[in-house]
Amino acid sequence: MAKVNTSVVSGVSILPVIVDITIMVLTGYVSFFLRFGELSLPPYYHLFIVSASLMTGFTFIAGNSYPHAGSTLRRTLLYFCSRVILAFSIFMLFIVFLKATHMYSRLWLGWWIGLSCLVLFIVHAGYYQLIAQLQARGRMLNKVLIIYGSEQGFETLKNMESSGYVICEALDLQKGNMPLAGLAERVNSSGVAEVWMSMPFSDCANIDEISYELRHTLVNIRFIPQLEDVKLLKHRISYLGSQYAIDLSYTPLDGFNRGVKRLEDVVLATLIGISVIPVCLLIALAIRLSSKGPVLFKQKRHGIGGEKIHVYKFRSMEVHNEQEGVLTQAERDDPRIPPLGHFLRRTSLDELPQFFNVLQGRMSIVGPRPHALVHNEYYKDLVESYMWRHKVKPGITGWAQVNGYRGRTDTLEKMSKRVEHDLWYINNWSLWLDLKIILKSCYKGFFHKNAY
């Protein structure tokens, strides 16, 4: 998709949610017409359409964001399809509970889900494209005056021209000859719509002085952090007593949310564990018949808070002795791995016993993958914030794994990328994110070229 000024269309506000609920209602009636050829609906259809549409709007609000204005068409389509299907799934649970499924046409419901996903996608993608085209043609350009206190600040502001703004004047604080006392008159006479500042956080005096000088103007005043300061603002901002705080190390998985995640783990691990019992018995029998040694491989790993835990896997290697304090990672065509072991590792079936770890409370279904103790000792001083991975329980699958960062970590860059994704997951956890990772793992995470 074309690049769009995200300040124009981003985030969730009440207006787009109302528009989307209206679209859901209209597509519900259109789908009824396509199915039955008339618009004379029984009363219970009206109730279904309004209730399911409101449920869909709630999923948009609960997600706390729409796709970014610069999102790809594929991501935008997946967003609306997943939210609509989730809302209908939740609502249908109530219908099943009330034993009222026989009252509604399944073909009508299929028409409605498909049509609503398509219309929501077209409306939002079309809006983003329209804004981008208007900006590209100069129809929505905003004149801006920029003020900077360093060369990095100037580069930061200059790069914003590609987002539909025109920088009509630039003031350099480094030269020391900018008359701040007459800044308001200068802004009013130039006809700019916005004033942008970019300077180090340490230069608070100038920021306050500029804001004070422009207090009587009606222009928008924005402070844009320099590149070196942006990392600080990516963290969560909380309110403690009468003070604001930037949480440099924080996870939503505290308090009530930790209980929610534990409930999620128990329910899903129980359902999955029961369903895979026949598979586990077959794998255990195959291991026992194909090679000597135990069926299960047990190894110590670090759990939440750095506590040492035992992690179980189906044994996929021949029994061998390893030098103390040394762990040789599996390689492609590793002679220690028999054909059955290659199959188990390739399909991640060797991980199935870890659902027992989940029921024990030692692991979670979703979380950072547990590394060997020697790896933790080695990388904790090489990768920034490496040990923060242990703020939560380790997982069977995780955000890093579904994004391709799994398997052998034979370079510092590979481990850094994996840790980066693990920390992003910890800082941005939500129940929806867990479900998304589990669904991705089913078709992407368990089968990967790096698994050997």
Protein backbone atom coordinates (compact mmCIF):
# COMPACT_ATOMS: atom_id res chain seq x y z
CA MET A 1 0.00 0.00 0.00
CA ALA A 2 1.08 3.56 -0.53
CA LYS A 3 2.72 5.45 2.28
CA VAL A 4 0.16 7.41 4.26
CA ASN A 5 0.39 10.13 6.85
CA THR A 6 -0.45 8.09 9.94
CA SER A 7 -1.49 11.15 11.90
CA VAL A 8 -4.51 11.39 9.59
CA VAL A 9 -5.74 7.81 9.94
CA SER A 10 -4.53 5.72 12.88
CA GLY A 11 -5.72 4.22 16.12
CA VAL A 12 -9.24 3.39 17.26
CA SER A 13 -11.72 6.20 17.84
CA ILE A 14 -15.47 6.01 18.21
CA LEU A 15 -16.26 7.22 14.67
CA PRO A 16 -14.64 4.38 12.69
CA VAL A 17 -16.12 1.83 15.10
CA ILE A 18 -19.61 3.28 14.53
CA VAL A 19 -19.03 3.18 10.77
CA ASP A 20 -17.90 -0.44 10.97
CA ILE A 21 -20.88 -1.48 13.09
CA THR A 22 -23.14 0.20 10.52
CA ILE A 23 -21.40 -1.74 7.74
CA MET A 24 -21.94 -4.98 9.67
CA VAL A 25 -25.66 -4.26 10.07
CA LEU A 26 -26.11 -3.35 6.38
CA THR A 27 -24.20 -6.40 5.13
CA GLY A 28 -26.34 -8.57 7.43
CA TYR A 29 -29.51 -7.36 5.70
CA VAL A 30 -27.94 -7.56 2.23
CA SER A 31 -26.87 -11.14 2.95
CA PHE A 32 -30.42 -12.01 3.99
CA PHE A 33 -31.68 -10.63 0.68
CA LEU A 34 -29.06 -12.61 -1.26
CA ARG A 35 -30.09 -15.77 0.57
CA PHE A 36 -33.88 -15.43 0.59
CA GLY A 37 -34.60 -12.80 -2.08
CA GLU A 38 -36.57 -10.58 0.29
CA LEU A 39 -36.09 -8.13 3.16
CA SER A 40 -38.94 -9.27 5.37
CA LEU A 41 -36.90 -10.55 8.31
CA PRO A 42 -38.28 -12.42 11.32
CA PRO A 43 -37.70 -10.52 14.61
CA TYR A 44 -35.02 -12.95 15.79
CA TYR A 45 -32.94 -12.16 12.70
CA HIS A 46 -33.01 -8.44 13.57
CA LEU A 47 -31.78 -9.31 17.08
CA PHE A 48 -29.00 -11.51 15.69
CA ILE A 49 -27.80 -8.85 13.23
CA VAL A 50 -27.68 -6.03 15.78
CA SER A 51 -26.10 -8.14 18.53
CA ALA A 52 -23.42 -9.72 16.34
CA SER A 53 -22.59 -6.30 14.83
CA LEU A 54 -22.11 -4.81 18.29
CA MET A 55 -19.95 -7.80 19.26
CA THR A 56 -17.77 -7.15 16.21
CA GLY A 57 -17.41 -3.49 17.17
CA PHE A 58 -16.36 -4.59 20.64
CA THR A 59 -13.56 -6.75 19.18
CA PHE A 60 -12.24 -3.67 17.34
CA ILE A 61 -12.24 -1.68 20.58
CA ALA A 62 -10.75 -4.54 22.62
CA GLY A 63 -7.91 -4.86 20.12
CA ASN A 64 -7.10 -1.19 20.83
CA SER A 65 -5.93 -0.52 17.28
CA TYR A 66 -6.84 -0.73 13.63
CA PRO A 67 -4.22 -1.69 11.04
CA HIS A 68 -1.63 1.03 10.62
CA ALA A 69 -2.29 3.37 7.73
CA GLY A 70 0.75 2.00 5.94
CA SER A 71 -0.20 -1.66 6.46
CA THR A 72 -0.14 -4.00 3.49
CA LEU A 73 -3.38 -5.07 1.83
CA ARG A 74 -2.83 -8.61 3.08
CA ARG A 75 -2.43 -7.48 6.69
CA THR A 76 -5.51 -5.27 6.49
CA LEU A 77 -7.59 -8.13 5.06
CA LEU A 78 -6.34 -10.59 7.69
CA TYR A 79 -7.11 -8.09 10.44
CA PHE A 80 -10.77 -7.68 9.54
CA CYS A 81 -11.31 -11.36 8.71
CA SER A 82 -9.85 -12.46 12.05
CA ARG A 83 -11.83 -9.92 14.09
CA VAL A 84 -15.12 -10.69 12.37
CA ILE A 85 -14.64 -14.46 12.70
CA LEU A 86 -13.66 -14.06 16.37
CA ALA A 87 -16.77 -11.95 17.10
CA PHE A 88 -19.07 -14.40 15.34
CA SER A 89 -17.45 -17.36 17.10
CA ILE A 90 -18.06 -15.77 20.50
CA PHE A 91 -21.63 -14.85 19.63
CA MET A 92 -22.38 -18.30 18.21
CA LEU A 93 -21.38 -19.84 21.55
CA PHE A 94 -24.34 -18.03 23.09
CA ILE A 95 -26.62 -19.24 20.30
CA VAL A 96 -25.46 -22.83 20.83
CA PHE A 97 -25.96 -22.47 24.59
CA LEU A 98 -29.52 -21.25 23.98
CA LYS A 99 -30.10 -24.13 21.52
CA ALA A 100 -31.25 -21.67 18.86
CA THR A 101 -28.92 -22.57 16.00
CA HIS A 102 -31.76 -24.21 14.06
CA MET A 103 -33.51 -20.85 13.77
CA TYR A 104 -30.86 -19.33 11.50
CA SER A 105 -29.70 -20.14 7.98
CA ARG A 106 -26.09 -21.31 7.81
CA LEU A 107 -25.84 -20.15 4.20
CA TRP A 108 -27.03 -16.68 5.25
CA LEU A 109 -24.45 -16.64 8.03
CA GLY A 110 -21.70 -17.63 5.59
CA TRP A 111 -22.79 -14.90 3.17
CA TRP A 112 -22.76 -12.34 5.99
CA ILE A 113 -19.29 -13.23 7.33
CA GLY A 114 -17.73 -13.24 3.86
CA LEU A 115 -19.46 -10.08 2.65
CA SER A 116 -18.76 -8.09 5.83
CA CYS A 117 -15.05 -9.01 5.75
CA LEU A 118 -14.85 -7.93 2.12
CA VAL A 119 -16.71 -4.62 2.58
CA LEU A 120 -14.77 -3.68 5.75
CA PHE A 121 -11.51 -4.37 3.93
CA ILE A 122 -12.51 -2.37 0.84
CA VAL A 123 -13.73 0.62 2.88
CA HIS A 124 -10.61 0.88 5.07
CA ALA A 125 -8.07 0.05 2.35
CA GLY A 126 -9.83 2.45 0.00
CA TYR A 127 -9.77 5.23 2.58
CA TYR A 128 -6.05 4.77 3.20
CA GLN A 129 -5.36 4.78 -0.53
CA LEU A 130 -7.47 7.90 -1.05
CA ILE A 131 -5.59 9.80 1.66
CA ALA A 132 -2.27 8.65 0.19
CA GLN A 133 -3.24 9.77 -3.30
CA LEU A 134 -4.43 13.17 -2.09
CA GLN A 135 -1.19 13.69 -0.22
CA ALA A 136 0.87 12.61 -3.23
CA ARG A 137 -0.96 15.14 -5.45
CA GLY A 138 -0.51 17.95 -2.94
CA ARG A 139 -4.21 18.20 -2.05
CA MET A 140 -3.69 17.64 1.69
CA LEU A 141 -0.31 19.24 2.32
CA ASN A 142 0.25 20.98 5.64
CA LYS A 143 2.77 23.79 5.91
CA VAL A 144 5.20 23.29 8.78
CA LEU A 145 7.82 25.38 10.57
CA ILE A 146 10.54 23.25 12.10
CA ILE A 147 12.86 24.03 15.01
CA TYR A 148 15.84 21.80 15.71
CA GLY A 149 18.77 21.77 18.09
CA SER A 150 21.14 19.35 16.40
CA GLU A 151 21.96 17.88 13.02
CA GLN A 152 20.21 14.66 14.01
CA GLY A 153 17.13 16.67 14.87
CA PHE A 154 17.20 18.32 11.44
CA GLU A 155 17.51 14.95 9.68
CA THR A 156 14.62 13.58 11.75
CA LEU A 157 12.31 16.46 10.77
CA LYS A 158 13.45 16.66 7.15
CA ASN A 159 12.49 13.04 6.55
CA MET A 160 8.87 13.83 7.45
CA GLU A 161 8.39 15.68 4.14
CA SER A 162 7.55 12.38 2.47
CA SER A 163 4.45 12.04 4.70
CA GLY A 164 2.50 14.86 3.08
CA TYR A 165 3.95 17.94 4.77
CA VAL A 166 5.77 20.94 3.36
CA ILE A 167 8.56 22.46 5.46
CA CYS A 168 8.35 26.14 4.64
CA GLU A 169 10.84 27.40 7.23
CA ALA A 170 13.58 25.88 9.39
CA LEU A 171 15.05 27.48 12.53
CA ASP A 172 18.36 26.23 13.91
CA LEU A 173 18.86 26.64 17.66
CA GLN A 174 22.53 25.73 17.26
CA LYS A 175 23.30 29.10 15.69
CA GLY A 176 22.14 30.89 18.82
CA ASN A 177 20.59 33.80 16.90
CA MET A 178 16.95 32.72 16.79
CA PRO A 179 14.79 35.37 18.48
CA LEU A 180 12.33 33.29 20.50
CA ALA A 181 10.65 36.46 21.75
CA GLY A 182 9.19 37.09 18.27
CA LEU A 183 8.45 33.48 17.41
CA ALA A 184 4.66 33.80 17.67
CA GLU A 185 4.56 36.69 15.15
CA ARG A 186 6.85 34.76 12.84
CA VAL A 187 4.57 31.71 12.96
CA ASN A 188 1.39 33.74 12.37
CA SER A 189 2.86 35.65 9.44
CA SER A 190 4.18 32.54 7.70
CA GLY A 191 0.77 30.84 7.61
CA VAL A 192 2.03 27.50 8.87
CA ALA A 193 -0.39 24.94 10.28
CA GLU A 194 2.08 23.23 12.61
CA VAL A 195 5.35 23.80 14.47
CA TRP A 196 7.65 20.86 14.96
CA MET A 197 10.52 20.64 17.42
CA SER A 198 13.25 18.01 17.52
CA MET A 199 16.08 18.21 20.02
CA PRO A 200 17.58 16.08 22.77
CA PHE A 201 15.45 15.36 25.83
CA SER A 202 18.10 17.11 27.86
CA ASP A 203 17.22 20.41 26.17
CA CYS A 204 14.05 20.88 28.22
CA ALA A 205 14.61 24.63 28.69
CA ASN A 206 14.23 25.38 24.98
CA ILE A 207 11.20 23.10 24.67
CA ASP A 208 9.43 24.89 27.51
CA GLU A 209 10.40 28.35 26.21
CA ILE A 210 9.16 27.64 22.68
CA SER A 211 5.87 26.22 23.99
CA TYR A 212 5.40 29.32 26.16
CA GLU A 213 6.09 31.70 23.28
CA LEU A 214 3.48 29.98 21.13
CA ARG A 215 0.80 29.80 23.84
CA HIS A 216 -1.46 32.34 22.10
CA THR A 217 -1.21 30.82 18.61
CA LEU A 218 -3.62 28.24 17.19
CA VAL A 219 -1.05 26.10 15.41
CA ASN A 220 -0.41 22.50 16.36
CA ILE A 221 2.84 22.14 18.27
CA ARG A 222 4.59 18.78 18.08
CA PHE A 223 7.74 17.46 19.69
CA ILE A 224 9.37 14.72 17.59
CA PRO A 225 12.09 12.76 19.45
CA GLN A 226 15.45 12.34 17.83
CA LEU A 227 16.32 8.84 16.67
CA GLU A 228 18.50 8.13 19.72
CA ASP A 229 15.64 9.07 22.06
CA VAL A 230 12.86 7.13 20.30
CA LYS A 231 13.77 3.86 22.05
CA LEU A 232 12.85 5.39 25.39
CA LEU A 233 9.33 6.28 24.23
CA LYS A 234 8.60 2.78 22.97
CA HIS A 235 8.11 1.68 26.58
CA ARG A 236 4.85 1.75 28.49
CA ILE A 237 3.98 4.97 30.34
CA SER A 238 2.21 4.46 33.68
CA TYR A 239 0.93 6.74 36.44
CA LEU A 240 2.28 6.21 39.96
CA GLY A 241 0.61 8.34 42.58
CA SER A 242 1.10 11.86 41.27
CA GLN A 243 3.97 11.01 38.91
CA TYR A 244 4.29 9.61 35.42
CA ALA A 245 6.74 6.78 34.90
CA ILE A 246 8.30 5.14 31.84
CA ASP A 247 8.38 1.39 32.50
CA LEU A 248 11.70 0.30 31.02
CA SER A 249 11.10 -3.30 32.11
CA TYR A 250 7.41 -4.18 32.22
CA THR A 251 5.01 -6.92 31.22
CA PRO A 252 1.19 -6.91 31.26
CA LEU A 253 1.45 -10.45 32.64
CA ASP A 254 1.05 -9.38 36.25
CA GLY A 255 -1.86 -9.59 38.66
CA PHE A 256 -5.17 -10.49 37.05
CA ASN A 257 -3.66 -11.08 33.59
CA ARG A 258 -1.35 -13.75 34.99
CA GLY A 259 -4.42 -15.61 36.22
CA VAL A 260 -6.06 -15.26 32.80
CA LYS A 261 -3.00 -16.71 31.09
CA ARG A 262 -2.84 -19.59 33.57
CA LEU A 263 -6.51 -20.39 32.90
CA GLU A 264 -5.79 -20.27 29.16
CA ASP A 265 -2.86 -22.69 29.63
CA VAL A 266 -4.83 -25.16 31.76
CA VAL A 267 -7.83 -25.27 29.42
CA LEU A 268 -5.85 -25.52 26.18
CA ALA A 269 -3.19 -27.89 27.56
CA THR A 270 -5.91 -30.21 28.88
CA LEU A 271 -7.80 -30.27 25.58
CA ILE A 272 -4.65 -30.67 23.48
CA GLY A 273 -3.09 -33.15 25.90
CA ILE A 274 -6.11 -35.46 25.78
CA SER A 275 -6.33 -35.27 21.99
CA VAL A 276 -2.65 -36.16 21.43
CA ILE A 277 -2.47 -39.13 23.82
CA PRO A 278 -2.76 -41.70 20.96
CA VAL A 279 -0.01 -39.87 19.03
CA CYS A 280 2.24 -39.79 22.11
CA LEU A 281 1.77 -43.55 22.67
CA LEU A 282 2.72 -44.28 19.06
CA ILE A 283 5.81 -42.05 19.28
CA ALA A 284 6.88 -43.63 22.57
CA LEU A 285 6.54 -47.10 21.06
CA ALA A 286 8.49 -46.08 17.93
CA ILE A 287 11.35 -44.63 20.01
CA ARG A 288 11.50 -47.73 22.21
CA LEU A 289 11.65 -50.08 19.21
CA SER A 290 14.07 -48.03 17.08
CA SER A 291 16.86 -47.20 19.55
CA LYS A 292 18.19 -47.92 23.02
CA GLY A 293 17.62 -45.44 25.80
CA PRO A 294 14.76 -43.65 27.56
CA VAL A 295 11.66 -42.47 25.70
CA LEU A 296 11.74 -39.04 27.32
CA PHE A 297 14.63 -36.60 27.37
CA LYS A 298 14.79 -34.50 30.53
CA GLN A 299 16.91 -31.38 30.83
CA LYS A 300 17.17 -28.45 33.26
CA ARG A 301 16.19 -25.05 31.93
CA HIS A 302 15.42 -21.67 33.49
CA GLY A 303 11.76 -20.94 34.19
CA ILE A 304 10.02 -17.80 35.40
CA GLY A 305 12.20 -15.75 37.72
CA GLY A 306 15.27 -17.76 36.71
CA GLU A 307 14.10 -20.81 38.69
CA LYS A 308 15.53 -24.08 37.39
CA ILE A 309 12.89 -26.45 36.02
CA HIS A 310 12.89 -29.82 34.27
CA VAL A 311 11.67 -29.69 30.66
CA TYR A 312 10.49 -32.90 28.99
CA LYS A 313 10.78 -33.85 25.31
CA PHE A 314 10.64 -37.06 23.35
CA ARG A 315 14.20 -38.27 22.87
CA SER A 316 15.21 -37.54 19.27
CA MET A 317 18.96 -38.25 19.51
CA GLU A 318 21.00 -41.35 20.16
CA VAL A 319 22.17 -41.57 23.77
CA HIS A 320 25.63 -39.96 23.99
CA ASN A 321 27.91 -38.32 26.55
CA GLU A 322 28.45 -34.55 26.49
CA GLN A 323 31.36 -32.80 28.20
CA GLU A 324 30.23 -31.05 31.39
CA GLY A 325 29.35 -27.41 30.81
CA VAL A 326 29.22 -27.90 27.03
CA LEU A 327 26.12 -28.27 24.84
CA THR A 328 26.56 -29.08 21.16
CA GLN A 329 23.56 -27.80 19.21
CA ALA A 330 21.96 -30.04 16.62
CA GLU A 331 23.15 -29.47 13.07
CA ARG A 332 21.71 -30.35 9.70
CA ASP A 333 22.45 -34.04 8.97
CA ASP A 334 23.67 -34.46 12.56
CA PRO A 335 24.92 -38.10 12.91
CA ARG A 336 23.52 -38.23 16.46
CA ILE A 337 19.96 -37.94 15.13
CA PRO A 338 18.37 -41.11 13.68
CA PRO A 339 15.68 -40.93 10.93
CA LEU A 340 12.85 -41.06 13.48
CA GLY A 341 14.51 -38.24 15.42
CA HIS A 342 14.75 -36.12 12.27
CA PHE A 343 11.02 -36.61 11.71
CA LEU A 344 10.12 -35.72 15.29
CA ARG A 345 12.27 -32.60 15.30
CA ARG A 346 11.15 -31.51 11.84
CA THR A 347 7.49 -31.72 12.82
CA SER A 348 8.04 -30.52 16.43
CA LEU A 349 6.31 -33.68 17.68
CA ASP A 350 9.21 -34.10 20.12
CA GLU A 351 7.78 -31.11 22.00
CA LEU A 352 4.45 -32.79 22.88
CA PRO A 353 5.49 -33.87 26.43
CA GLN A 354 5.90 -30.20 27.28
CA PHE A 355 2.12 -29.93 27.57
CA PHE A 356 2.66 -31.89 30.80
CA ASN A 357 5.10 -29.13 31.85
CA VAL A 358 2.31 -26.63 31.18
CA LEU A 359 -0.16 -28.51 33.38
CA GLN A 360 2.52 -28.64 36.10
CA GLY A 361 2.71 -24.84 35.96
CA ARG A 362 6.38 -24.81 34.93
CA MET A 363 5.76 -23.66 31.35
CA SER A 364 3.15 -21.88 29.27
CA ILE A 365 1.84 -22.79 25.83
CA VAL A 366 3.05 -19.42 24.51
CA GLY A 367 6.20 -17.72 25.73
CA PRO A 368 9.94 -17.45 25.10
CA ARG A 369 11.43 -20.84 24.29
CA PRO A 370 13.57 -22.14 27.22
CA HIS A 371 17.28 -22.17 26.39
CA ALA A 372 19.89 -24.50 27.82
CA LEU A 373 21.54 -23.25 31.01
CA VAL A 374 24.95 -22.95 29.34
CA HIS A 375 23.41 -20.79 26.61
CA ASN A 376 21.89 -18.46 29.19
CA GLU A 377 25.26 -18.07 30.89
CA TYR A 378 26.96 -17.39 27.57
CA TYR A 379 24.49 -14.92 26.04
CA LYS A 380 23.37 -12.95 29.11
CA ASP A 381 26.39 -10.63 28.80
CA LEU A 382 26.33 -10.48 24.99
CA VAL A 383 22.67 -9.69 24.26
CA GLU A 384 21.10 -6.63 25.89
CA SER A 385 18.29 -7.45 28.35
CA TYR A 386 18.70 -11.18 27.60
CA MET A 387 17.65 -12.31 31.09
CA TRP A 388 14.39 -10.34 30.88
CA ARG A 389 13.08 -13.34 28.95
CA HIS A 390 12.65 -15.00 32.35
CA LYS A 391 10.08 -12.45 33.56
CA VAL A 392 7.45 -14.88 32.25
CA LYS A 393 7.14 -18.66 31.96
CA PRO A 394 8.90 -20.25 29.00
CA GLY A 395 6.64 -21.51 26.23
CA ILE A 396 6.18 -24.41 23.84
CA THR A 397 5.88 -21.90 21.02
CA GLY A 398 6.40 -18.15 20.88
CA TRP A 399 6.45 -14.95 18.88
CA ALA A 400 10.05 -15.55 17.80
CA GLN A 401 9.25 -19.05 16.55
CA VAL A 402 6.29 -18.08 14.35
CA ASN A 403 8.42 -15.29 12.87
CA GLY A 404 11.12 -17.73 11.78
CA TYR A 405 13.62 -17.35 14.64
CA ARG A 406 13.84 -20.95 15.77
CA GLY A 407 16.30 -23.80 15.55
CA ARG A 408 20.06 -23.44 15.76
CA THR A 409 21.41 -20.11 17.10
CA ASP A 410 24.98 -20.29 15.84
CA THR A 411 25.47 -16.52 15.50
CA LEU A 412 25.02 -13.62 17.88
CA GLU A 413 22.69 -11.93 15.37
CA LYS A 414 20.30 -14.90 15.35
CA MET A 415 20.11 -14.94 19.14
CA SER A 416 19.67 -11.15 19.29
CA LYS A 417 16.73 -11.34 16.88
CA ARG A 418 15.12 -14.12 18.87
CA VAL A 419 15.49 -12.20 22.13
CA GLU A 420 14.16 -9.04 20.47
CA HIS A 421 10.98 -10.88 19.49
CA ASP A 422 10.68 -12.52 22.92
CA LEU A 423 10.90 -9.15 24.69
CA TRP A 424 8.35 -7.63 22.31
CA TYR A 425 5.94 -10.43 23.23
CA ILE A 426 6.53 -9.90 26.95
CA ASN A 427 5.91 -6.14 26.67
CA ASN A 428 2.83 -6.49 24.45
CA TRP A 429 1.10 -9.60 25.78
CA SER A 430 -2.61 -10.01 25.30
CA LEU A 431 -4.95 -12.98 25.17
CA TRP A 432 -5.59 -12.24 21.51
CA LEU A 433 -1.84 -12.26 20.79
CA ASP A 434 -1.53 -15.70 22.42
CA LEU A 435 -4.36 -17.09 20.30
CA LYS A 436 -2.80 -15.55 17.19
CA ILE A 437 0.56 -17.22 17.94
CA ILE A 438 -1.11 -20.59 18.58
CA LEU A 439 -3.02 -20.41 15.28
CA LYS A 440 0.14 -19.39 13.41
CA SER A 441 2.05 -22.24 15.03
CA CYS A 442 -0.49 -24.75 13.73
CA TYR A 443 0.30 -23.96 10.10
CA LYS A 444 3.66 -22.21 10.28
CA GLY A 445 5.54 -22.61 13.53
CA PHE A 446 5.72 -26.41 13.86
CA PHE A 447 7.08 -27.00 10.36
CA HIS A 448 10.12 -24.92 9.52
CA LYS A 449 13.34 -25.25 7.52
CA ASN A 450 15.38 -24.40 10.65
CA ALA A 451 13.97 -27.34 12.58
CA TYR A 452 16.48 -30.22 12.38
